[in-house]
PDB file of N, CA and C in Angstrom:
ATOM      1  N   THR A   1      85.253  14.016 143.410  1.00  0.00           N
ATOM      2  CA  THR A   1      85.869  12.856 142.791  1.00  0.00           C
ATOM      3  C   THR A   1      84.833  12.033 142.025  1.00  0.00           C
ATOM      4  N   VAL A   2      83.660  11.862 142.620  1.00  0.00           N
ATOM      5  CA  VAL A   2      82.606  11.083 141.970  1.00  0.00           C
ATOM      6  C   VAL A   2      82.209  11.731 140.646  1.00  0.00           C
ATOM      7  N   VAL A   3      81.988  13.028 140.663  1.00  0.00           N
ATOM      8  CA  VAL A   3      81.578  13.733 139.446  1.00  0.00           C
ATOM      9  C   VAL A   3      82.687  13.669 138.399  1.00  0.00           C
ATOM     10  N   PHE A   4      83.926  13.814 138.827  1.00  0.00           N
ATOM     11  CA  PHE A   4      85.067  13.730 137.916  1.00  0.00           C
ATOM     12  C   PHE A   4      85.114  12.358 137.239  1.00  0.00           C
ATOM     13  N   LEU A   5      85.015  11.294 138.026  1.00  0.00           N
ATOM     14  CA  LEU A   5      85.060   9.943 137.467  1.00  0.00           C
ATOM     15  C   LEU A   5      83.848   9.668 136.578  1.00  0.00           C
ATOM     16  N   GLU A   6      82.686  10.166 136.978  1.00  0.00           N
ATOM     17  CA  GLU A   6      81.493  10.009 136.135  1.00  0.00           C
ATOM     18  C   GLU A   6      81.676  10.698 134.790  1.00  0.00           C
ATOM     19  N   SER A   7      82.284  11.878 134.804  1.00  0.00           N
ATOM     20  CA  SER A   7      82.482  12.598 133.539  1.00  0.00           C
ATOM     21  C   SER A   7      83.454  11.851 132.633  1.00  0.00           C
ATOM     22  N   LEU A   8      84.465  11.222 133.208  1.00  0.00           N
ATOM     23  CA  LEU A   8      85.403  10.432 132.400  1.00  0.00           C
ATOM     24  C   LEU A   8      84.711   9.196 131.826  1.00  0.00           C
ATOM     25  N   THR A   9      83.905   8.533 132.644  1.00  0.00           N
ATOM     26  CA  THR A   9      83.171   7.354 132.183  1.00  0.00           C
ATOM     27  C   THR A   9      82.180   7.726 131.084  1.00  0.00           C
ATOM     28  N   THR A  10      81.508   8.844 131.244  1.00  0.00           N
ATOM     29  CA  THR A  10      80.573   9.318 130.216  1.00  0.00           C
ATOM     30  C   THR A  10      81.311   9.614 128.919  1.00  0.00           C
ATOM     31  N   ALA A  11      82.484  10.215 129.029  1.00  0.00           N
ATOM     32  CA  ALA A  11      83.276  10.523 127.831  1.00  0.00           C
ATOM     33  C   ALA A  11      83.654   9.248 127.081  1.00  0.00           C
ATOM     34  N   ILE A  12      83.982   8.194 127.808  1.00  0.00           N
ATOM     35  CA  ILE A  12      84.306   6.915 127.169  1.00  0.00           C
ATOM     36  C   ILE A  12      83.048   6.324 126.530  1.00  0.00           C
ATOM     37  N   SER A  13      81.958   6.320 127.283  1.00  0.00           N
ATOM     38  CA  SER A  13      80.706   5.726 126.799  1.00  0.00           C
ATOM     39  C   SER A  13      80.169   6.411 125.550  1.00  0.00           C
ATOM     40  N   THR A  14      80.376   7.710 125.445  1.00  0.00           N
ATOM     41  CA  THR A  14      79.885   8.455 124.281  1.00  0.00           C
ATOM     42  C   THR A  14      80.898   8.499 123.147  1.00  0.00           C
ATOM     43  N   GLY A  15      82.081   7.956 123.391  1.00  0.00           N
ATOM     44  CA  GLY A  15      83.101   7.916 122.354  1.00  0.00           C
ATOM     45  C   GLY A  15      83.873   9.209 122.170  1.00  0.00           C
ATOM     46  N   THR A  16      83.721  10.142 123.089  1.00  0.00           N
ATOM     47  CA  THR A  16      84.435  11.415 122.961  1.00  0.00           C
ATOM     48  C   THR A  16      85.832  11.376 123.572  1.00  0.00           C
ATOM     49  N   ALA A  17      86.137  10.305 124.304  1.00  0.00           N
ATOM     50  CA  ALA A  17      87.469  10.181 124.905  1.00  0.00           C
ATOM     51  C   ALA A  17      87.830   8.714 125.055  1.00  0.00           C
ATOM     52  N   LYS A  18      89.114   8.479 125.144  1.00  0.00           N
ATOM     53  CA  LYS A  18      89.639   7.141 125.390  1.00  0.00           C
ATOM     54  C   LYS A  18      90.862   7.318 126.281  1.00  0.00           C
ATOM     55  N   PHE A  19      90.982   6.483 127.297  1.00  0.00           N
ATOM     56  CA  PHE A  19      92.099   6.601 128.226  1.00  0.00           C
ATOM     57  C   PHE A  19      92.952   5.344 128.160  1.00  0.00           C
ATOM     58  N   SER A  20      94.235   5.532 128.053  1.00  0.00           N
ATOM     59  CA  SER A  20      95.139   4.387 127.991  1.00  0.00           C
ATOM     60  C   SER A  20      95.310   3.796 129.387  1.00  0.00           C
ATOM     61  N   VAL A  21      95.742   2.554 129.414  1.00  0.00           N
ATOM     62  CA  VAL A  21      96.020   1.893 130.684  1.00  0.00           C
ATOM     63  C   VAL A  21      97.111   2.659 131.426  1.00  0.00           C
ATOM     64  N   ALA A  22      98.088   3.199 130.703  1.00  0.00           N
ATOM     65  CA  ALA A  22      99.169   3.965 131.334  1.00  0.00           C
ATOM     66  C   ALA A  22      98.626   5.200 132.056  1.00  0.00           C
ATOM     67  N   VAL A  23      97.667   5.877 131.451  1.00  0.00           N
ATOM     68  CA  VAL A  23      97.062   7.054 132.093  1.00  0.00           C
ATOM     69  C   VAL A  23      96.333   6.634 133.365  1.00  0.00           C
ATOM     70  N   LEU A  24      95.591   5.542 133.291  1.00  0.00           N
ATOM     71  CA  LEU A  24      94.864   5.059 134.466  1.00  0.00           C
ATOM     72  C   LEU A  24      95.818   4.586 135.550  1.00  0.00           C
ATOM     73  N   ASP A  25      96.912   3.943 135.162  1.00  0.00           N
ATOM     74  CA  ASP A  25      97.925   3.529 136.139  1.00  0.00           C
ATOM     75  C   ASP A  25      98.495   4.741 136.865  1.00  0.00           C
ATOM     76  N   THR A  26      98.743   5.814 136.118  1.00  0.00           N
ATOM     77  CA  THR A  26      99.272   7.039 136.718  1.00  0.00           C
ATOM     78  C   THR A  26      98.247   7.661 137.666  1.00  0.00           C
ATOM     79  N   MET A  27      96.994   7.714 137.228  1.00  0.00           N
ATOM     80  CA  MET A  27      95.940   8.247 138.104  1.00  0.00           C
ATOM     81  C   MET A  27      95.864   7.445 139.397  1.00  0.00           C
ATOM     82  N   ASP A  28      95.956   6.129 139.285  1.00  0.00           N
ATOM     83  CA  ASP A  28      95.880   5.274 140.466  1.00  0.00           C
ATOM     84  C   ASP A  28      97.079   5.503 141.382  1.00  0.00           C
ATOM     85  N   ALA A  29      98.264   5.644 140.790  1.00  0.00           N
ATOM     86  CA  ALA A  29      99.467   5.882 141.586  1.00  0.00           C
ATOM     87  C   ALA A  29      99.387   7.218 142.330  1.00  0.00           C
ATOM     88  N   VAL A  30      98.852   8.222 141.672  1.00  0.00           N
ATOM     89  CA  VAL A  30      98.776   9.556 142.272  1.00  0.00           C
ATOM     90  C   VAL A  30      97.648   9.648 143.307  1.00  0.00           C
ATOM     91  N   TYR A  31      96.473   9.131 142.977  1.00  0.00           N
ATOM     92  CA  TYR A  31      95.296   9.315 143.828  1.00  0.00           C
ATOM     93  C   TYR A  31      94.918   8.095 144.668  1.00  0.00           C
ATOM     94  N   GLY A  32      95.516   6.942 144.414  1.00  0.00           N
ATOM     95  CA  GLY A  32      95.213   5.736 145.181  1.00  0.00           C
ATOM     96  C   GLY A  32      93.765   5.289 145.060  1.00  0.00           C
ATOM     97  N   LEU A  33      93.212   5.389 143.866  1.00  0.00           N
ATOM     98  CA  LEU A  33      91.784   5.128 143.673  1.00  0.00           C
ATOM     99  C   LEU A  33      91.397   3.661 143.857  1.00  0.00           C
ATOM    100  N   THR A  34      92.288   2.746 143.555  1.00  0.00           N
ATOM    101  CA  THR A  34      91.958   1.324 143.726  1.00  0.00           C
ATOM    102  C   THR A  34      91.838   0.973 145.207  1.00  0.00           C
ATOM    103  N   GLN A  35      92.581   1.673 146.053  1.00  0.00           N
ATOM    104  CA  GLN A  35      92.592   1.371 147.486  1.00  0.00           C
ATOM    105  C   GLN A  35      91.585   2.180 148.292  1.00  0.00           C
ATOM    106  N   ILE A  36      90.908   3.115 147.656  1.00  0.00           N
ATOM    107  CA  ILE A  36      89.979   3.996 148.374  1.00  0.00           C
ATOM    108  C   ILE A  36      88.819   3.185 148.939  1.00  0.00           C
ATOM    109  N   GLY A  37      88.289   3.582 150.081  1.00  0.00           N
ATOM    110  CA  GLY A  37      87.227   2.824 150.731  1.00  0.00           C
ATOM    111  C   GLY A  37      85.817   3.257 150.379  1.00  0.00           C
ATOM    112  N   ASN A  38      85.653   4.427 149.818  1.00  0.00           N
ATOM    113  CA  ASN A  38      84.337   4.964 149.488  1.00  0.00           C
ATOM    114  C   ASN A  38      83.733   4.180 148.319  1.00  0.00           C
ATOM    115  N   CYS A  39      82.579   3.563 148.559  1.00  0.00           N
ATOM    116  CA  CYS A  39      81.950   2.709 147.533  1.00  0.00           C
ATOM    117  C   CYS A  39      81.558   3.476 146.280  1.00  0.00           C
ATOM    118  N   GLU A  40      81.106   4.703 146.428  1.00  0.00           N
ATOM    119  CA  GLU A  40      80.709   5.503 145.265  1.00  0.00           C
ATOM    120  C   GLU A  40      81.907   5.761 144.358  1.00  0.00           C
ATOM    121  N   ILE A  41      83.026   6.119 144.964  1.00  0.00           N
ATOM    122  CA  ILE A  41      84.246   6.380 144.191  1.00  0.00           C
ATOM    123  C   ILE A  41      84.786   5.076 143.618  1.00  0.00           C
ATOM    124  N   LYS A  42      84.827   4.050 144.457  1.00  0.00           N
ATOM    125  CA  LYS A  42      85.367   2.757 144.028  1.00  0.00           C
ATOM    126  C   LYS A  42      84.608   2.198 142.830  1.00  0.00           C
ATOM    127  N   CYS A  43      83.290   2.253 142.874  1.00  0.00           N
ATOM    128  CA  CYS A  43      82.476   1.736 141.772  1.00  0.00           C
ATOM    129  C   CYS A  43      82.781   2.484 140.480  1.00  0.00           C
ATOM    130  N   ARG A  44      82.826   3.791 140.553  1.00  0.00           N
ATOM    131  CA  ARG A  44      83.079   4.584 139.345  1.00  0.00           C
ATOM    132  C   ARG A  44      84.497   4.399 138.826  1.00  0.00           C
ATOM    133  N   TRP A  45      85.453   4.259 139.735  1.00  0.00           N
ATOM    134  CA  TRP A  45      86.832   4.007 139.326  1.00  0.00           C
ATOM    135  C   TRP A  45      86.937   2.653 138.624  1.00  0.00           C
ATOM    136  N   HIS A  46      86.342   1.646 139.225  1.00  0.00           N
ATOM    137  CA  HIS A  46      86.378   0.315 138.615  1.00  0.00           C
ATOM    138  C   HIS A  46      85.715   0.317 137.244  1.00  0.00           C
ATOM    139  N   GLU A  47      84.581   0.990 137.131  1.00  0.00           N
ATOM    140  CA  GLU A  47      83.889   1.051 135.844  1.00  0.00           C
ATOM    141  C   GLU A  47      84.755   1.754 134.794  1.00  0.00           C
ATOM    142  N   LEU A  48      85.381   2.855 135.172  1.00  0.00           N
ATOM    143  CA  LEU A  48      86.264   3.580 134.254  1.00  0.00           C
ATOM    144  C   LEU A  48      87.408   2.683 133.785  1.00  0.00           C
ATOM    145  N   CYS A  49      88.014   1.972 134.717  1.00  0.00           N
ATOM    146  CA  CYS A  49      89.122   1.073 134.360  1.00  0.00           C
ATOM    147  C   CYS A  49      88.662  -0.042 133.430  1.00  0.00           C
ATOM    148  N   LEU A  50      87.526  -0.640 133.729  1.00  0.00           N
ATOM    149  CA  LEU A  50      87.017  -1.729 132.893  1.00  0.00           C
ATOM    150  C   LEU A  50      86.686  -1.247 131.490  1.00  0.00           C
ATOM    151  N   LEU A  51      86.033  -0.104 131.396  1.00  0.00           N
ATOM    152  CA  LEU A  51      85.677   0.428 130.077  1.00  0.00           C
ATOM    153  C   LEU A  51      86.910   0.826 129.270  1.00  0.00           C
ATOM    154  N   SER A  52      88.025   1.049 129.970  1.00  0.00           N
ATOM    155  CA  SER A  52      89.277   1.419 129.302  1.00  0.00           C
ATOM    156  C   SER A  52      90.181   0.218 129.048  1.00  0.00           C
ATOM    157  N   GLY A  53      89.739  -0.976 129.450  1.00  0.00           N
ATOM    158  CA  GLY A  53      90.513  -2.185 129.197  1.00  0.00           C
ATOM    159  C   GLY A  53      91.637  -2.442 130.176  1.00  0.00           C
ATOM    160  N   ARG A  54      91.556  -1.889 131.362  1.00  0.00           N
ATOM    161  CA  ARG A  54      92.612  -2.075 132.371  1.00  0.00           C
ATOM    162  C   ARG A  54      92.362  -3.381 133.133  1.00  0.00           C
ATOM    163  N   GLU A  55      92.908  -4.461 132.617  1.00  0.00           N
ATOM    164  CA  GLU A  55      92.659  -5.784 133.187  1.00  0.00           C
ATOM    165  C   GLU A  55      93.281  -5.970 134.564  1.00  0.00           C
ATOM    166  N   ALA A  56      94.230  -5.143 134.930  1.00  0.00           N
ATOM    167  CA  ALA A  56      94.848  -5.238 136.253  1.00  0.00           C
ATOM    168  C   ALA A  56      93.840  -4.973 137.372  1.00  0.00           C
ATOM    169  N   ILE A  57      92.697  -4.419 137.039  1.00  0.00           N
ATOM    170  CA  ILE A  57      91.673  -4.091 138.034  1.00  0.00           C
ATOM    171  C   ILE A  57      90.756  -5.285 138.329  1.00  0.00           C
ATOM    172  N   PHE A  58      90.859  -6.369 137.572  1.00  0.00           N
ATOM    173  CA  PHE A  58      89.936  -7.500 137.702  1.00  0.00           C
ATOM    174  C   PHE A  58      89.831  -8.038 139.127  1.00  0.00           C
ATOM    175  N   ASP A  59      90.952  -8.235 139.795  1.00  0.00           N
ATOM    176  CA  ASP A  59      90.901  -8.795 141.151  1.00  0.00           C
ATOM    177  C   ASP A  59      90.179  -7.857 142.112  1.00  0.00           C
ATOM    178  N   ALA A  60      90.452  -6.559 142.004  1.00  0.00           N
ATOM    179  CA  ALA A  60      89.790  -5.581 142.871  1.00  0.00           C
ATOM    180  C   ALA A  60      88.293  -5.532 142.593  1.00  0.00           C
ATOM    181  N   VAL A  61      87.907  -5.645 141.334  1.00  0.00           N
ATOM    182  CA  VAL A  61      86.484  -5.650 140.977  1.00  0.00           C
ATOM    183  C   VAL A  61      85.817  -6.894 141.556  1.00  0.00           C
ATOM    184  N   ALA A  62      86.479  -8.032 141.445  1.00  0.00           N
ATOM    185  CA  ALA A  62      85.915  -9.275 141.985  1.00  0.00           C
ATOM    186  C   ALA A  62      85.679  -9.165 143.487  1.00  0.00           C
ATOM    187  N   VAL A  63      86.630  -8.605 144.197  1.00  0.00           N
ATOM    188  CA  VAL A  63      86.464  -8.421 145.643  1.00  0.00           C
ATOM    189  C   VAL A  63      85.290  -7.483 145.916  1.00  0.00           C
ATOM    190  N   PHE A  64      85.224  -6.395 145.188  1.00  0.00           N
ATOM    191  CA  PHE A  64      84.166  -5.407 145.420  1.00  0.00           C
ATOM    192  C   PHE A  64      82.777  -5.993 145.164  1.00  0.00           C
ATOM    193  N   VAL A  65      82.577  -6.649 144.032  1.00  0.00           N
ATOM    194  CA  VAL A  65      81.232  -7.155 143.706  1.00  0.00           C
ATOM    195  C   VAL A  65      80.832  -8.360 144.547  1.00  0.00           C
ATOM    196  N   THR A  66      81.779  -8.977 145.236  1.00  0.00           N
ATOM    197  CA  THR A  66      81.433 -10.105 146.103  1.00  0.00           C
ATOM    198  C   THR A  66      81.345  -9.701 147.571  1.00  0.00           C
ATOM    199  N   THR A  67      81.617  -8.437 147.863  1.00  0.00           N
ATOM    200  CA  THR A  67      81.483  -7.952 149.239  1.00  0.00           C
ATOM    201  C   THR A  67      80.476  -6.812 149.356  1.00  0.00           C
ATOM    202  N   MET A  68      80.156  -6.160 148.255  1.00  0.00           N
ATOM    203  CA  MET A  68      79.167  -5.072 148.232  1.00  0.00           C
ATOM    204  C   MET A  68      78.091  -5.490 147.238  1.00  0.00           C
ATOM    205  N   GLY A  69      76.999  -6.016 147.745  1.00  0.00           N
ATOM    206  CA  GLY A  69      76.003  -6.622 146.867  1.00  0.00           C
ATOM    207  C   GLY A  69      74.921  -5.712 146.333  1.00  0.00           C
ATOM    208  N   ARG A  70      75.038  -4.413 146.546  1.00  0.00           N
ATOM    209  CA  ARG A  70      73.992  -3.512 146.049  1.00  0.00           C
ATOM    210  C   ARG A  70      73.963  -3.504 144.530  1.00  0.00           C
ATOM    211  N   MET A  71      72.764  -3.677 143.981  1.00  0.00           N
ATOM    212  CA  MET A  71      72.612  -3.713 142.531  1.00  0.00           C
ATOM    213  C   MET A  71      73.109  -2.417 141.897  1.00  0.00           C
ATOM    214  N   LYS A  72      73.004  -1.326 142.617  1.00  0.00           N
ATOM    215  CA  LYS A  72      73.477  -0.022 142.146  1.00  0.00           C
ATOM    216  C   LYS A  72      74.948  -0.085 141.730  1.00  0.00           C
ATOM    217  N   TYR A  73      75.728  -0.890 142.424  1.00  0.00           N
ATOM    218  CA  TYR A  73      77.150  -1.037 142.122  1.00  0.00           C
ATOM    219  C   TYR A  73      77.420  -2.259 141.247  1.00  0.00           C
ATOM    220  N   VAL A  74      76.780  -3.348 141.590  1.00  0.00           N
ATOM    221  CA  VAL A  74      77.072  -4.638 140.967  1.00  0.00           C
ATOM    222  C   VAL A  74      76.730  -4.670 139.475  1.00  0.00           C
ATOM    223  N   ARG A  75      75.550  -4.240 139.135  1.00  0.00           N
ATOM    224  CA  ARG A  75      75.103  -4.365 137.742  1.00  0.00           C
ATOM    225  C   ARG A  75      75.965  -3.567 136.764  1.00  0.00           C
ATOM    226  N   PRO A  76      76.246  -2.289 137.019  1.00  0.00           N
ATOM    227  CA  PRO A  76      77.101  -1.555 136.072  1.00  0.00           C
ATOM    228  C   PRO A  76      78.502  -2.158 135.954  1.00  0.00           C
ATOM    229  N   LEU A  77      79.002  -2.703 137.058  1.00  0.00           N
ATOM    230  CA  LEU A  77      80.347  -3.284 136.998  1.00  0.00           C
ATOM    231  C   LEU A  77      80.366  -4.576 136.194  1.00  0.00           C
ATOM    232  N   TYR A  78      79.371  -5.429 136.366  1.00  0.00           N
ATOM    233  CA  TYR A  78      79.326  -6.642 135.543  1.00  0.00           C
ATOM    234  C   TYR A  78      79.171  -6.288 134.061  1.00  0.00           C
ATOM    235  N   ARG A  79      78.362  -5.282 133.774  1.00  0.00           N
ATOM    236  CA  ARG A  79      78.207  -4.859 132.374  1.00  0.00           C
ATOM    237  C   ARG A  79      79.540  -4.384 131.798  1.00  0.00           C
ATOM    238  N   ALA A  80      80.230  -3.524 132.523  1.00  0.00           N
ATOM    239  CA  ALA A  80      81.515  -2.989 132.049  1.00  0.00           C
ATOM    240  C   ALA A  80      82.560  -4.092 131.967  1.00  0.00           C
ATOM    241  N   TRP A  81      82.545  -5.002 132.926  1.00  0.00           N
ATOM    242  CA  TRP A  81      83.520  -6.096 132.965  1.00  0.00           C
ATOM    243  C   TRP A  81      83.383  -6.958 131.717  1.00  0.00           C
ATOM    244  N   ARG A  82      82.151  -7.230 131.335  1.00  0.00           N
ATOM    245  CA  ARG A  82      81.912  -8.039 130.132  1.00  0.00           C
ATOM    246  C   ARG A  82      82.430  -7.348 128.883  1.00  0.00           C
ATOM    247  N   LYS A  83      82.344  -6.029 128.826  1.00  0.00           N
ATOM    248  CA  LYS A  83      82.787  -5.271 127.658  1.00  0.00           C
ATOM    249  C   LYS A  83      84.303  -5.119 127.594  1.00  0.00           C
ATOM    250  N   CYS A  84      84.976  -5.318 128.699  1.00  0.00           N
ATOM    251  CA  CYS A  84      86.412  -5.059 128.787  1.00  0.00           C
ATOM    252  C   CYS A  84      87.220  -5.925 127.827  1.00  0.00           C
ATOM    253  N   SER A  85      86.963  -7.228 127.857  1.00  0.00           N
ATOM    254  CA  SER A  85      87.719  -8.174 127.027  1.00  0.00           C
ATOM    255  C   SER A  85      87.071  -9.549 127.147  1.00  0.00           C
ATOM    256  N   LYS A  86      87.561 -10.495 126.356  1.00  0.00           N
ATOM    257  CA  LYS A  86      87.059 -11.872 126.475  1.00  0.00           C
ATOM    258  C   LYS A  86      87.374 -12.421 127.863  1.00  0.00           C
ATOM    259  N   GLU A  87      88.574 -12.131 128.348  1.00  0.00           N
ATOM    260  CA  GLU A  87      88.948 -12.555 129.697  1.00  0.00           C
ATOM    261  C   GLU A  87      88.052 -11.866 130.726  1.00  0.00           C
ATOM    262  N   GLY A  88      87.714 -10.614 130.473  1.00  0.00           N
ATOM    263  CA  GLY A  88      86.815  -9.893 131.369  1.00  0.00           C
ATOM    264  C   GLY A  88      85.448 -10.547 131.442  1.00  0.00           C
ATOM    265  N   GLU A  89      84.926 -10.941 130.297  1.00  0.00           N
ATOM    266  CA  GLU A  89      83.627 -11.615 130.288  1.00  0.00           C
ATOM    267  C   GLU A  89      83.707 -12.945 131.035  1.00  0.00           C
ATOM    268  N   ARG A  90      84.782 -13.677 130.830  1.00  0.00           N
ATOM    269  CA  ARG A  90      84.954 -14.957 131.523  1.00  0.00           C
ATOM    270  C   ARG A  90      85.016 -14.755 133.039  1.00  0.00           C
ATOM    271  N   ARG A  91      85.822 -13.781 133.463  1.00  0.00           N
ATOM    272  CA  ARG A  91      85.964 -13.506 134.900  1.00  0.00           C
ATOM    273  C   ARG A  91      84.654 -12.995 135.501  1.00  0.00           C
ATOM    274  N   ALA A  92      83.932 -12.173 134.744  1.00  0.00           N
ATOM    275  CA  ALA A  92      82.653 -11.656 135.236  1.00  0.00           C
ATOM    276  C   ALA A  92      81.675 -12.805 135.473  1.00  0.00           C
ATOM    277  N   ARG A  93      81.568 -13.697 134.503  1.00  0.00           N
ATOM    278  CA  ARG A  93      80.652 -14.845 134.644  1.00  0.00           C
ATOM    279  C   ARG A  93      81.073 -15.743 135.802  1.00  0.00           C
ATOM    280  N   GLU A  94      82.355 -16.019 135.882  1.00  0.00           N
ATOM    281  CA  GLU A  94      82.880 -16.876 136.947  1.00  0.00           C
ATOM    282  C   GLU A  94      82.604 -16.252 138.320  1.00  0.00           C
ATOM    283  N   THR A  95      82.858 -14.975 138.448  1.00  0.00           N
ATOM    284  CA  THR A  95      82.637 -14.278 139.717  1.00  0.00           C
ATOM    285  C   THR A  95      81.156 -14.257 140.066  1.00  0.00           C
ATOM    286  N   PHE A  96      80.321 -13.958 139.087  1.00  0.00           N
ATOM    287  CA  PHE A  96      78.879 -13.916 139.321  1.00  0.00           C
ATOM    288  C   PHE A  96      78.356 -15.279 139.767  1.00  0.00           C
ATOM    289  N   GLU A  97      78.764 -16.330 139.089  1.00  0.00           N
ATOM    290  CA  GLU A  97      78.292 -17.669 139.454  1.00  0.00           C
ATOM    291  C   GLU A  97      78.711 -18.026 140.876  1.00  0.00           C
ATOM    292  N   GLY A  98      79.899 -17.624 141.274  1.00  0.00           N
ATOM    293  CA  GLY A  98      80.368 -17.906 142.627  1.00  0.00           C
ATOM    294  C   GLY A  98      79.684 -17.071 143.697  1.00  0.00           C
ATOM    295  N   ALA A  99      79.148 -15.916 143.309  1.00  0.00           N
ATOM    296  CA  ALA A  99      78.573 -14.995 144.293  1.00  0.00           C
ATOM    297  C   ALA A  99      77.057 -14.871 144.201  1.00  0.00           C
ATOM    298  N   ARG A 100      76.423 -15.590 143.296  1.00  0.00           N
ATOM    299  CA  ARG A 100      74.985 -15.396 143.066  1.00  0.00           C
ATOM    300  C   ARG A 100      74.162 -15.571 144.338  1.00  0.00           C
ATOM    301  N   GLY A 101      74.560 -16.440 145.247  1.00  0.00           N
ATOM    302  CA  GLY A 101      73.831 -16.635 146.498  1.00  0.00           C
ATOM    303  C   GLY A 101      73.935 -15.447 147.446  1.00  0.00           C
ATOM    304  N   PHE A 102      74.900 -14.594 147.215  1.00  0.00           N
ATOM    305  CA  PHE A 102      75.132 -13.405 148.039  1.00  0.00           C
ATOM    306  C   PHE A 102      74.179 -12.266 147.676  1.00  0.00           C
ATOM    307  N   TYR A 103      73.724 -12.252 146.424  1.00  0.00           N
ATOM    308  CA  TYR A 103      72.916 -11.147 145.917  1.00  0.00           C
ATOM    309  C   TYR A 103      71.425 -11.360 146.157  1.00  0.00           C
ATOM    310  N   HIS A 104      70.703 -10.261 146.204  1.00  0.00           N
ATOM    311  CA  HIS A 104      69.240 -10.293 146.277  1.00  0.00           C
ATOM    312  C   HIS A 104      68.721 -10.942 144.987  1.00  0.00           C
ATOM    313  N   PRO A 105      67.625 -11.691 145.064  1.00  0.00           N
ATOM    314  CA  PRO A 105      67.091 -12.359 143.866  1.00  0.00           C
ATOM    315  C   PRO A 105      66.815 -11.412 142.691  1.00  0.00           C
ATOM    316  N   ILE A 106      66.388 -10.188 142.963  1.00  0.00           N
ATOM    317  CA  ILE A 106      66.148  -9.238 141.869  1.00  0.00           C
ATOM    318  C   ILE A 106      67.467  -8.876 141.193  1.00  0.00           C
ATOM    319  N   CYS A 107      68.504  -8.697 141.984  1.00  0.00           N
ATOM    320  CA  CYS A 107      69.832  -8.404 141.427  1.00  0.00           C
ATOM    321  C   CYS A 107      70.302  -9.565 140.561  1.00  0.00           C
ATOM    322  N   VAL A 108      70.132 -10.777 141.046  1.00  0.00           N
ATOM    323  CA  VAL A 108      70.527 -11.964 140.276  1.00  0.00           C
ATOM    324  C   VAL A 108      69.794 -11.989 138.940  1.00  0.00           C
ATOM    325  N   ALA A 109      68.497 -11.753 138.975  1.00  0.00           N
ATOM    326  CA  ALA A 109      67.701 -11.780 137.740  1.00  0.00           C
ATOM    327  C   ALA A 109      68.158 -10.712 136.753  1.00  0.00           C
ATOM    328  N   MET A 110      68.464  -9.525 137.237  1.00  0.00           N
ATOM    329  CA  MET A 110      68.873  -8.436 136.350  1.00  0.00           C
ATOM    330  C   MET A 110      70.258  -8.691 135.754  1.00  0.00           C
ATOM    331  N   VAL A 111      71.182  -9.189 136.556  1.00  0.00           N
ATOM    332  CA  VAL A 111      72.521  -9.481 136.036  1.00  0.00           C
ATOM    333  C   VAL A 111      72.449 -10.641 135.047  1.00  0.00           C
ATOM    334  N   GLU A 112      71.635 -11.651 135.351  1.00  0.00           N
ATOM    335  CA  GLU A 112      71.448 -12.752 134.397  1.00  0.00           C
ATOM    336  C   GLU A 112      70.912 -12.226 133.072  1.00  0.00           C
ATOM    337  N   LYS A 113      69.986 -11.283 133.135  1.00  0.00           N
ATOM    338  CA  LYS A 113      69.425 -10.682 131.924  1.00  0.00           C
ATOM    339  C   LYS A 113      70.535  -9.973 131.137  1.00  0.00           C
ATOM    340  N   ASP A 114      71.439  -9.303 131.840  1.00  0.00           N
ATOM    341  CA  ASP A 114      72.561  -8.627 131.175  1.00  0.00           C
ATOM    342  C   ASP A 114      73.500  -9.626 130.501  1.00  0.00           C
ATOM    343  N   PHE A 115      73.659 -10.793 131.104  1.00  0.00           N
ATOM    344  CA  PHE A 115      74.537 -11.817 130.536  1.00  0.00           C
ATOM    345  C   PHE A 115      73.906 -12.523 129.340  1.00  0.00           C
ATOM    346  N   ALA A 116      72.590 -12.474 129.237  1.00  0.00           N
ATOM    347  CA  ALA A 116      71.888 -13.196 128.161  1.00  0.00           C
ATOM    348  C   ALA A 116      72.153 -12.590 126.796  1.00  0.00           C
TER     349      ALA A 116
END
């Protein structure tokens, strides 16, 4: 699952593919990816949704980045969240400001650098 989601995210990042929100909704309905507990899968699923403009994932992303503080997960998600939409950038900043005390100082510095 991780490799599959990574390949989809890479396809979006390189411009070789684009996934509609409807396709992602169907994938979520079939595989239950938003509800999955595995952090590796969850991070990649959230990133794929954000890069595809699926704003319905915002609440789940906010919960994830405020409960799993590893920079490995947090930084790519904040980057993708900012790219999703203007609302995504607003929510990313708002969530980060509310959770900055939760993160390691190096993580805070790196995410701040991404926001700059």
